[in-house]
């Protein structure tokens, strides 16, 4: 499937084409026939208990870091962090989080921010002093959630199958 070379009517710079491909895969690769409704693999990955949300967040963080490397401003990056944090936190809520993933499309929102930044050329400068501490804390939160999920599932299995046989 060919990559779209525009987003919201704005051309995607060559330096963001790889990010655009991953964004499309995550948020809008598939279309429901007869509709304009699209979704990607983000909500599908999120179905893996605990680990799925961590994987989704890691991919979103990778895309964010790639945009920073391409020169996204601190202000744009802060908005991007808010987008993936909202997506990550709401994504933790059973059922509603998966439905939210289908409609919110944080990665696409972030690509739009990056394209707008490059088109307008405003707010030049490094965003690393903002990005690294926030991503580190959020990554720690998601890792702790994954570990907690592991132990909850483990103890539930022990409770259900006390003799060790499944």
N, C-alpha and C. Protein backbone atom coordinates (compact mmCIF):
# COMPACT_ATOMS: atom_id res chain seq x y z
N UNK A 1 0.85 -1.17 0.00
CA UNK A 1 0.00 0.00 0.00
C UNK A 1 0.90 1.24 0.00
N UNK A 2 0.76 2.16 -0.92
CA UNK A 2 1.64 3.31 -0.97
C UNK A 2 1.41 4.26 0.20
N UNK A 3 2.47 4.92 0.60
CA UNK A 3 2.40 5.88 1.70
C UNK A 3 1.78 7.17 1.20
N UNK A 4 0.94 7.79 2.01
CA UNK A 4 0.41 9.10 1.67
C UNK A 4 1.54 10.10 1.81
N UNK A 5 1.64 11.01 0.86
CA UNK A 5 2.69 12.02 0.92
C UNK A 5 2.20 13.33 1.51
N UNK A 6 0.96 13.33 2.00
CA UNK A 6 0.39 14.50 2.66
C UNK A 6 -0.37 14.06 3.89
N UNK A 7 -0.46 14.97 4.84
CA UNK A 7 -1.29 14.74 6.02
C UNK A 7 -2.02 16.05 6.30
N UNK A 8 -3.32 15.98 6.39
CA UNK A 8 -4.16 17.17 6.55
C UNK A 8 -3.87 18.22 5.49
N UNK A 9 -3.60 17.77 4.26
CA UNK A 9 -3.36 18.67 3.15
C UNK A 9 -1.96 19.28 3.11
N UNK A 10 -1.10 18.87 4.03
CA UNK A 10 0.26 19.42 4.08
C UNK A 10 1.24 18.34 3.65
N UNK A 11 2.24 18.72 2.85
CA UNK A 11 3.21 17.72 2.41
C UNK A 11 4.07 17.21 3.57
N UNK A 12 4.37 15.92 3.54
CA UNK A 12 5.23 15.32 4.57
C UNK A 12 6.66 15.43 4.08
N UNK A 13 7.53 16.11 4.84
CA UNK A 13 8.94 16.23 4.43
C UNK A 13 9.60 14.87 4.25
N UNK A 14 10.56 14.79 3.36
CA UNK A 14 11.28 13.54 3.09
C UNK A 14 11.84 12.93 4.37
N UNK A 15 12.33 13.79 5.27
CA UNK A 15 12.94 13.31 6.51
C UNK A 15 11.93 12.62 7.44
N UNK A 16 10.63 12.84 7.21
CA UNK A 16 9.60 12.23 8.05
C UNK A 16 8.87 11.07 7.36
N UNK A 17 9.30 10.67 6.17
CA UNK A 17 8.60 9.61 5.43
C UNK A 17 8.60 8.27 6.18
N UNK A 18 9.73 7.91 6.78
CA UNK A 18 9.78 6.64 7.54
C UNK A 18 8.84 6.70 8.74
N UNK A 19 8.82 7.83 9.42
CA UNK A 19 7.91 8.02 10.55
C UNK A 19 6.47 7.95 10.06
N UNK A 20 6.19 8.54 8.90
CA UNK A 20 4.83 8.52 8.34
C UNK A 20 4.38 7.09 8.05
N UNK A 21 5.29 6.25 7.56
CA UNK A 21 4.94 4.84 7.28
C UNK A 21 4.57 4.10 8.56
N UNK A 22 5.37 4.28 9.61
CA UNK A 22 5.10 3.60 10.88
C UNK A 22 3.81 4.14 11.49
N UNK A 23 3.62 5.45 11.39
CA UNK A 23 2.41 6.08 11.91
C UNK A 23 1.17 5.52 11.22
N UNK A 24 1.24 5.39 9.92
CA UNK A 24 0.10 4.84 9.18
C UNK A 24 -0.18 3.40 9.62
N UNK A 25 0.87 2.59 9.78
CA UNK A 25 0.70 1.21 10.23
C UNK A 25 0.06 1.17 11.61
N UNK A 26 0.49 2.03 12.50
CA UNK A 26 -0.01 2.02 13.87
C UNK A 26 -1.44 2.56 13.99
N UNK A 27 -1.77 3.59 13.19
CA UNK A 27 -3.04 4.29 13.42
C UNK A 27 -4.09 4.20 12.31
N UNK A 28 -3.69 3.94 11.06
CA UNK A 28 -4.72 4.01 10.01
C UNK A 28 -4.44 3.12 8.80
N UNK A 29 -3.77 2.02 8.98
CA UNK A 29 -3.40 1.14 7.87
C UNK A 29 -4.62 0.47 7.23
N UNK A 30 -5.64 0.17 8.02
CA UNK A 30 -6.77 -0.61 7.53
C UNK A 30 -8.03 0.25 7.47
N UNK A 31 -8.81 0.03 6.43
CA UNK A 31 -10.06 0.78 6.25
C UNK A 31 -11.21 -0.22 6.24
N UNK A 32 -12.27 0.13 6.95
CA UNK A 32 -13.48 -0.69 6.92
C UNK A 32 -14.17 -0.40 5.59
N UNK A 33 -14.39 -1.45 4.77
CA UNK A 33 -14.97 -1.24 3.43
C UNK A 33 -16.28 -0.47 3.48
N UNK A 34 -16.40 0.47 2.56
CA UNK A 34 -17.62 1.26 2.46
C UNK A 34 -17.67 2.44 3.41
N UNK A 35 -16.61 2.64 4.20
CA UNK A 35 -16.58 3.76 5.15
C UNK A 35 -15.26 4.51 5.01
N UNK A 36 -15.16 5.63 5.71
CA UNK A 36 -13.90 6.36 5.80
C UNK A 36 -13.16 6.00 7.10
N UNK A 37 -13.71 5.07 7.85
CA UNK A 37 -13.17 4.69 9.15
C UNK A 37 -11.92 3.84 8.98
N UNK A 38 -10.81 4.29 9.60
CA UNK A 38 -9.56 3.55 9.54
C UNK A 38 -9.06 3.24 10.94
N UNK A 39 -8.23 2.21 11.02
CA UNK A 39 -7.58 1.86 12.27
C UNK A 39 -6.26 1.19 11.92
N UNK A 40 -5.40 1.09 12.90
CA UNK A 40 -4.10 0.46 12.68
C UNK A 40 -3.88 -0.68 13.65
N UNK A 41 -2.63 -1.07 13.81
CA UNK A 41 -2.34 -2.19 14.70
C UNK A 41 -2.22 -1.76 16.16
N UNK A 42 -2.24 -0.47 16.45
CA UNK A 42 -2.13 0.01 17.82
C UNK A 42 -3.16 -0.64 18.74
N UNK A 43 -4.47 -0.58 18.43
CA UNK A 43 -5.43 -1.20 19.34
C UNK A 43 -5.33 -2.74 19.36
N UNK A 44 -4.79 -3.32 18.31
CA UNK A 44 -4.64 -4.78 18.27
C UNK A 44 -3.51 -5.20 19.20
N UNK A 45 -2.37 -4.49 19.13
CA UNK A 45 -1.25 -4.78 20.03
C UNK A 45 -1.69 -4.58 21.48
N UNK A 46 -2.51 -3.56 21.70
CA UNK A 46 -2.97 -3.25 23.05
C UNK A 46 -3.80 -4.35 23.69
N UNK A 47 -4.25 -5.33 22.91
CA UNK A 47 -5.03 -6.43 23.46
C UNK A 47 -4.18 -7.40 24.30
N UNK A 48 -2.86 -7.35 24.15
CA UNK A 48 -1.98 -8.20 24.96
C UNK A 48 -1.96 -7.59 26.36
N UNK A 49 -2.47 -8.28 27.38
CA UNK A 49 -2.57 -7.69 28.73
C UNK A 49 -1.22 -7.19 29.24
N UNK A 50 -1.20 -5.94 29.69
CA UNK A 50 0.00 -5.35 30.27
C UNK A 50 1.08 -5.05 29.27
N UNK A 51 1.57 -6.05 28.62
CA UNK A 51 2.69 -5.92 27.68
C UNK A 51 2.28 -5.14 26.43
N UNK A 52 1.06 -5.31 25.97
CA UNK A 52 0.61 -4.62 24.76
C UNK A 52 0.66 -3.11 24.90
N UNK A 53 0.21 -2.62 26.05
CA UNK A 53 0.25 -1.17 26.28
C UNK A 53 1.69 -0.66 26.35
N UNK A 54 2.57 -1.46 26.92
CA UNK A 54 3.98 -1.09 26.99
C UNK A 54 4.60 -1.05 25.59
N UNK A 55 4.27 -2.02 24.75
CA UNK A 55 4.77 -2.05 23.37
C UNK A 55 4.26 -0.84 22.59
N UNK A 56 2.96 -0.54 22.72
CA UNK A 56 2.38 0.63 22.04
C UNK A 56 3.09 1.90 22.47
N UNK A 57 3.31 2.04 23.76
CA UNK A 57 3.97 3.24 24.28
C UNK A 57 5.41 3.33 23.76
N UNK A 58 6.10 2.18 23.72
CA UNK A 58 7.48 2.18 23.24
C UNK A 58 7.56 2.60 21.77
N UNK A 59 6.63 2.12 20.95
CA UNK A 59 6.61 2.52 19.54
C UNK A 59 6.32 4.01 19.41
N UNK A 60 5.37 4.51 20.18
CA UNK A 60 5.06 5.94 20.16
C UNK A 60 6.27 6.76 20.61
N UNK A 61 6.98 6.27 21.64
CA UNK A 61 8.17 6.98 22.11
C UNK A 61 9.26 6.97 21.05
N UNK A 62 9.41 5.85 20.34
CA UNK A 62 10.39 5.77 19.25
C UNK A 62 10.07 6.82 18.17
N UNK A 63 8.80 6.91 17.79
CA UNK A 63 8.39 7.89 16.79
C UNK A 63 8.65 9.30 17.28
N UNK A 64 8.37 9.55 18.55
CA UNK A 64 8.61 10.87 19.13
C UNK A 64 10.10 11.22 19.09
N UNK A 65 10.95 10.28 19.47
CA UNK A 65 12.40 10.51 19.46
C UNK A 65 12.88 10.76 18.03
N UNK A 66 12.32 10.03 17.07
CA UNK A 66 12.70 10.24 15.67
C UNK A 66 12.32 11.65 15.23
N UNK A 67 11.18 12.14 15.68
CA UNK A 67 10.77 13.50 15.32
C UNK A 67 11.69 14.53 15.97
N UNK A 68 12.11 14.26 17.20
CA UNK A 68 13.05 15.15 17.88
C UNK A 68 14.37 15.19 17.12
N UNK A 69 14.84 14.04 16.68
CA UNK A 69 16.08 13.98 15.90
C UNK A 69 15.99 14.77 14.60
N UNK A 70 14.77 14.90 14.09
CA UNK A 70 14.57 15.67 12.86
C UNK A 70 14.38 17.16 13.15
N UNK A 71 14.49 17.55 14.41
CA UNK A 71 14.47 18.96 14.75
C UNK A 71 13.17 19.52 15.28
N UNK A 72 12.27 18.66 15.76
CA UNK A 72 11.02 19.17 16.32
C UNK A 72 11.33 20.06 17.53
N UNK A 73 10.55 21.12 17.69
CA UNK A 73 10.79 22.07 18.77
C UNK A 73 10.35 21.51 20.12
N UNK A 74 10.83 22.15 21.18
CA UNK A 74 10.44 21.76 22.52
C UNK A 74 8.94 21.85 22.74
N UNK A 75 8.32 22.89 22.20
CA UNK A 75 6.88 23.06 22.34
C UNK A 75 6.12 21.95 21.61
N UNK A 76 6.53 21.65 20.38
CA UNK A 76 5.89 20.56 19.63
C UNK A 76 6.08 19.24 20.34
N UNK A 77 7.28 19.01 20.86
CA UNK A 77 7.56 17.77 21.57
C UNK A 77 6.71 17.64 22.83
N UNK A 78 6.54 18.74 23.55
CA UNK A 78 5.69 18.70 24.75
C UNK A 78 4.26 18.28 24.39
N UNK A 79 3.74 18.82 23.28
CA UNK A 79 2.40 18.42 22.84
C UNK A 79 2.37 16.95 22.43
N UNK A 80 3.46 16.49 21.80
CA UNK A 80 3.55 15.08 21.40
C UNK A 80 3.57 14.18 22.62
N UNK A 81 4.31 14.57 23.64
CA UNK A 81 4.38 13.78 24.88
C UNK A 81 3.00 13.70 25.52
N UNK A 82 2.29 14.81 25.52
CA UNK A 82 0.93 14.80 26.07
C UNK A 82 0.06 13.83 25.29
N UNK A 83 0.17 13.84 23.95
CA UNK A 83 -0.64 12.93 23.13
C UNK A 83 -0.36 11.46 23.47
N UNK A 84 0.93 11.07 23.54
CA UNK A 84 1.20 9.65 23.79
C UNK A 84 0.92 9.28 25.24
N UNK A 85 1.01 10.25 26.15
CA UNK A 85 0.69 9.96 27.55
C UNK A 85 -0.81 9.74 27.72
N UNK A 86 -1.61 10.59 27.10
CA UNK A 86 -3.06 10.40 27.15
C UNK A 86 -3.41 9.05 26.56
N UNK A 87 -2.84 8.74 25.40
CA UNK A 87 -3.08 7.45 24.74
C UNK A 87 -2.67 6.29 25.64
N UNK A 88 -1.51 6.42 26.27
CA UNK A 88 -1.01 5.34 27.13
C UNK A 88 -1.83 5.14 28.38
N UNK A 89 -2.19 6.22 29.04
CA UNK A 89 -2.94 6.10 30.30
C UNK A 89 -4.36 5.62 30.04
N UNK A 90 -5.06 6.22 29.07
CA UNK A 90 -6.43 5.78 28.77
C UNK A 90 -6.39 4.36 28.20
N UNK A 91 -5.33 4.01 27.47
CA UNK A 91 -5.20 2.67 26.92
C UNK A 91 -5.14 1.57 27.97
N UNK A 92 -4.81 1.93 29.20
CA UNK A 92 -4.74 0.95 30.28
C UNK A 92 -6.12 0.52 30.78
N UNK A 93 -7.15 1.31 30.47
CA UNK A 93 -8.50 1.00 30.94
C UNK A 93 -9.07 -0.12 30.07
N UNK A 94 -9.44 -1.25 30.70
CA UNK A 94 -9.98 -2.37 29.91
C UNK A 94 -11.16 -1.94 29.03
N UNK A 95 -11.21 -2.49 27.84
CA UNK A 95 -12.20 -2.26 26.80
C UNK A 95 -12.22 -0.80 26.32
N UNK A 96 -12.54 0.15 27.21
CA UNK A 96 -12.61 1.56 26.81
C UNK A 96 -11.28 2.03 26.23
N UNK A 97 -10.18 1.58 26.80
CA UNK A 97 -8.85 1.98 26.32
C UNK A 97 -8.60 1.54 24.90
N UNK A 98 -9.05 0.34 24.54
CA UNK A 98 -8.87 -0.16 23.17
C UNK A 98 -9.74 0.62 22.19
N UNK A 99 -10.94 0.92 22.60
CA UNK A 99 -11.84 1.73 21.78
C UNK A 99 -11.25 3.13 21.59
N UNK A 100 -10.71 3.69 22.66
CA UNK A 100 -10.08 5.01 22.61
C UNK A 100 -8.91 5.00 21.63
N UNK A 101 -8.08 3.93 21.65
CA UNK A 101 -6.94 3.80 20.73
C UNK A 101 -7.38 3.89 19.27
N UNK A 102 -8.52 3.33 18.96
CA UNK A 102 -9.02 3.33 17.58
C UNK A 102 -9.33 4.74 17.11
N UNK A 103 -9.83 5.58 18.01
CA UNK A 103 -10.28 6.92 17.60
C UNK A 103 -9.27 8.03 17.88
N UNK A 104 -8.45 7.91 18.91
CA UNK A 104 -7.55 9.01 19.30
C UNK A 104 -6.36 9.18 18.36
N UNK A 105 -5.74 8.10 17.94
CA UNK A 105 -4.64 8.10 16.96
C UNK A 105 -3.52 9.08 17.34
N UNK A 106 -2.90 8.84 18.49
CA UNK A 106 -1.86 9.74 19.01
C UNK A 106 -0.68 9.88 18.06
N UNK A 107 -0.28 8.81 17.41
CA UNK A 107 0.88 8.88 16.51
C UNK A 107 0.57 9.79 15.32
N UNK A 108 -0.64 9.71 14.80
CA UNK A 108 -1.03 10.57 13.68
C UNK A 108 -1.07 12.02 14.12
N UNK A 109 -1.60 12.27 15.33
CA UNK A 109 -1.62 13.63 15.86
C UNK A 109 -0.19 14.18 15.95
N UNK A 110 0.73 13.32 16.37
CA UNK A 110 2.11 13.76 16.51
C UNK A 110 2.76 14.03 15.16
N UNK A 111 2.43 13.22 14.17
CA UNK A 111 2.96 13.47 12.83
C UNK A 111 2.44 14.81 12.29
N UNK A 112 1.17 15.11 12.54
CA UNK A 112 0.61 16.40 12.13
C UNK A 112 1.37 17.53 12.80
N UNK A 113 1.65 17.40 14.09
CA UNK A 113 2.42 18.43 14.81
C UNK A 113 3.80 18.61 14.17
N UNK A 114 4.47 17.50 13.84
CA UNK A 114 5.80 17.58 13.25
C UNK A 114 5.76 18.26 11.88
N UNK A 115 4.79 17.89 11.06
CA UNK A 115 4.68 18.48 9.72
C UNK A 115 4.38 19.98 9.85
N UNK A 116 3.48 20.35 10.75
CA UNK A 116 3.18 21.77 10.96
C UNK A 116 4.43 22.52 11.41
N UNK A 117 5.20 21.89 12.28
CA UNK A 117 6.43 22.53 12.76
C UNK A 117 7.41 22.76 11.60
N UNK A 118 7.62 21.75 10.78
CA UNK A 118 8.57 21.89 9.67
C UNK A 118 8.06 22.88 8.62
N UNK A 119 6.75 22.91 8.42
CA UNK A 119 6.20 23.82 7.42
C UNK A 119 6.31 25.28 7.89
N UNK A 120 6.04 25.53 9.18
CA UNK A 120 6.08 26.88 9.71
C UNK A 120 7.49 27.31 10.11
N UNK A 121 8.35 26.35 10.47
CA UNK A 121 9.73 26.64 10.83
C UNK A 121 9.89 27.42 12.14
N UNK A 122 8.94 27.32 13.03
CA UNK A 122 9.01 28.04 14.30
C UNK A 122 9.66 27.19 15.40
N UNK A 123 10.06 27.87 16.47
CA UNK A 123 10.50 27.22 17.72
C UNK A 123 11.67 26.27 17.53
N UNK A 124 12.73 26.73 16.90
CA UNK A 124 13.92 25.89 16.71
C UNK A 124 14.62 25.69 18.04
N UNK A 125 15.33 24.57 18.18
CA UNK A 125 16.09 24.30 19.39
C UNK A 125 15.91 22.87 19.85
N UNK A 126 16.76 22.48 20.75
CA UNK A 126 16.76 21.10 21.25
C UNK A 126 15.62 20.86 22.23
N UNK A 127 15.04 19.68 22.14
CA UNK A 127 13.96 19.30 23.05
C UNK A 127 14.41 18.23 24.04
N UNK A 128 15.65 17.77 23.93
CA UNK A 128 16.12 16.67 24.80
C UNK A 128 15.99 16.97 26.27
N UNK A 129 16.27 18.18 26.76
CA UNK A 129 16.11 18.42 28.20
C UNK A 129 14.68 18.23 28.69
N UNK A 130 13.70 18.35 27.81
CA UNK A 130 12.30 18.13 28.17
C UNK A 130 11.92 16.66 28.00
N UNK A 131 12.35 16.07 26.90
CA UNK A 131 11.91 14.74 26.52
C UNK A 131 12.46 13.64 27.43
N UNK A 132 13.75 13.62 27.65
CA UNK A 132 14.36 12.49 28.37
C UNK A 132 13.81 12.29 29.78
N UNK A 133 13.71 13.31 30.62
CA UNK A 133 13.16 13.06 31.96
C UNK A 133 11.71 12.58 31.94
N UNK A 134 10.89 13.19 31.08
CA UNK A 134 9.48 12.80 31.03
C UNK A 134 9.33 11.38 30.51
N UNK A 135 10.02 11.05 29.43
CA UNK A 135 9.93 9.69 28.89
C UNK A 135 10.46 8.66 29.87
N UNK A 136 11.51 9.00 30.60
CA UNK A 136 12.08 8.07 31.58
C UNK A 136 11.07 7.76 32.68
N UNK A 137 10.42 8.78 33.21
CA UNK A 137 9.43 8.57 34.27
C UNK A 137 8.25 7.77 33.73
N UNK A 138 7.77 8.13 32.55
CA UNK A 138 6.63 7.41 32.00
C UNK A 138 6.97 5.97 31.65
N UNK A 139 8.17 5.74 31.15
CA UNK A 139 8.60 4.38 30.86
C UNK A 139 8.64 3.56 32.15
N UNK A 140 9.14 4.15 33.22
CA UNK A 140 9.19 3.46 34.51
C UNK A 140 7.78 3.11 34.99
N UNK A 141 6.84 4.03 34.83
CA UNK A 141 5.45 3.77 35.22
C UNK A 141 4.88 2.59 34.44
N UNK A 142 5.11 2.55 33.13
CA UNK A 142 4.58 1.46 32.32
C UNK A 142 5.27 0.13 32.63
N UNK A 143 6.55 0.16 32.93
CA UNK A 143 7.27 -1.06 33.31
C UNK A 143 6.71 -1.58 34.63
N UNK A 144 6.50 -0.69 35.59
CA UNK A 144 5.93 -1.10 36.87
C UNK A 144 4.53 -1.69 36.67
N UNK A 145 3.75 -1.10 35.78
CA UNK A 145 2.42 -1.64 35.49
C UNK A 145 2.52 -3.04 34.88
N UNK A 146 3.46 -3.25 33.98
CA UNK A 146 3.64 -4.56 33.36
C UNK A 146 4.04 -5.59 34.40
N UNK A 147 4.94 -5.23 35.31
CA UNK A 147 5.37 -6.15 36.37
C UNK A 147 4.20 -6.47 37.29
N UNK A 148 3.43 -5.46 37.66
CA UNK A 148 2.26 -5.67 38.49
C UNK A 148 1.27 -6.60 37.81
N UNK A 149 1.03 -6.39 36.53
CA UNK A 149 0.12 -7.26 35.78
C UNK A 149 0.61 -8.71 35.79
N UNK A 150 1.91 -8.90 35.62
CA UNK A 150 2.49 -10.25 35.64
C UNK A 150 2.19 -10.94 36.97
N UNK A 151 2.43 -10.24 38.08
CA UNK A 151 2.22 -10.86 39.39
C UNK A 151 0.75 -11.09 39.69
N UNK A 152 -0.11 -10.21 39.26
CA UNK A 152 -1.55 -10.41 39.46
C UNK A 152 -2.01 -11.66 38.70
N UNK A 153 -1.60 -11.79 37.44
CA UNK A 153 -1.97 -12.96 36.64
C UNK A 153 -1.37 -14.22 37.26
N UNK A 154 -0.13 -14.17 37.67
CA UNK A 154 0.54 -15.33 38.28
C UNK A 154 -0.21 -15.80 39.53
N UNK A 155 -0.58 -14.87 40.41
CA UNK A 155 -1.28 -15.26 41.63
C UNK A 155 -2.71 -15.67 41.37
N UNK A 156 -3.33 -15.13 40.35
CA UNK A 156 -4.67 -15.58 39.97
C UNK A 156 -4.61 -17.03 39.49
N UNK A 157 -3.58 -17.38 38.72
CA UNK A 157 -3.43 -18.75 38.24
C UNK A 157 -3.17 -19.71 39.40
N UNK A 158 -2.38 -19.26 40.38
CA UNK A 158 -2.12 -20.10 41.56
C UNK A 158 -3.42 -20.32 42.34
N UNK A 159 -4.23 -19.28 42.44
CA UNK A 159 -5.50 -19.39 43.14
C UNK A 159 -6.47 -20.31 42.40
N UNK A 160 -6.50 -20.22 41.09
CA UNK A 160 -7.42 -21.03 40.29
C UNK A 160 -6.94 -22.47 40.20
N UNK A 161 -5.62 -22.67 40.05
CA UNK A 161 -5.04 -24.00 39.92
C UNK A 161 -4.04 -24.23 41.06
N UNK A 162 -4.51 -24.47 42.30
CA UNK A 162 -3.61 -24.56 43.46
C UNK A 162 -2.63 -25.74 43.40
N UNK A 163 -2.93 -26.77 42.64
CA UNK A 163 -2.03 -27.93 42.59
C UNK A 163 -0.95 -27.75 41.54
N UNK A 164 -1.00 -26.67 40.78
CA UNK A 164 0.02 -26.41 39.76
C UNK A 164 -0.34 -26.97 38.41
N UNK A 165 -1.41 -27.72 38.30
CA UNK A 165 -1.79 -28.29 37.01
C UNK A 165 -2.75 -27.38 36.26
N UNK A 166 -2.47 -27.17 35.00
CA UNK A 166 -3.38 -26.34 34.20
C UNK A 166 -4.07 -27.23 33.19
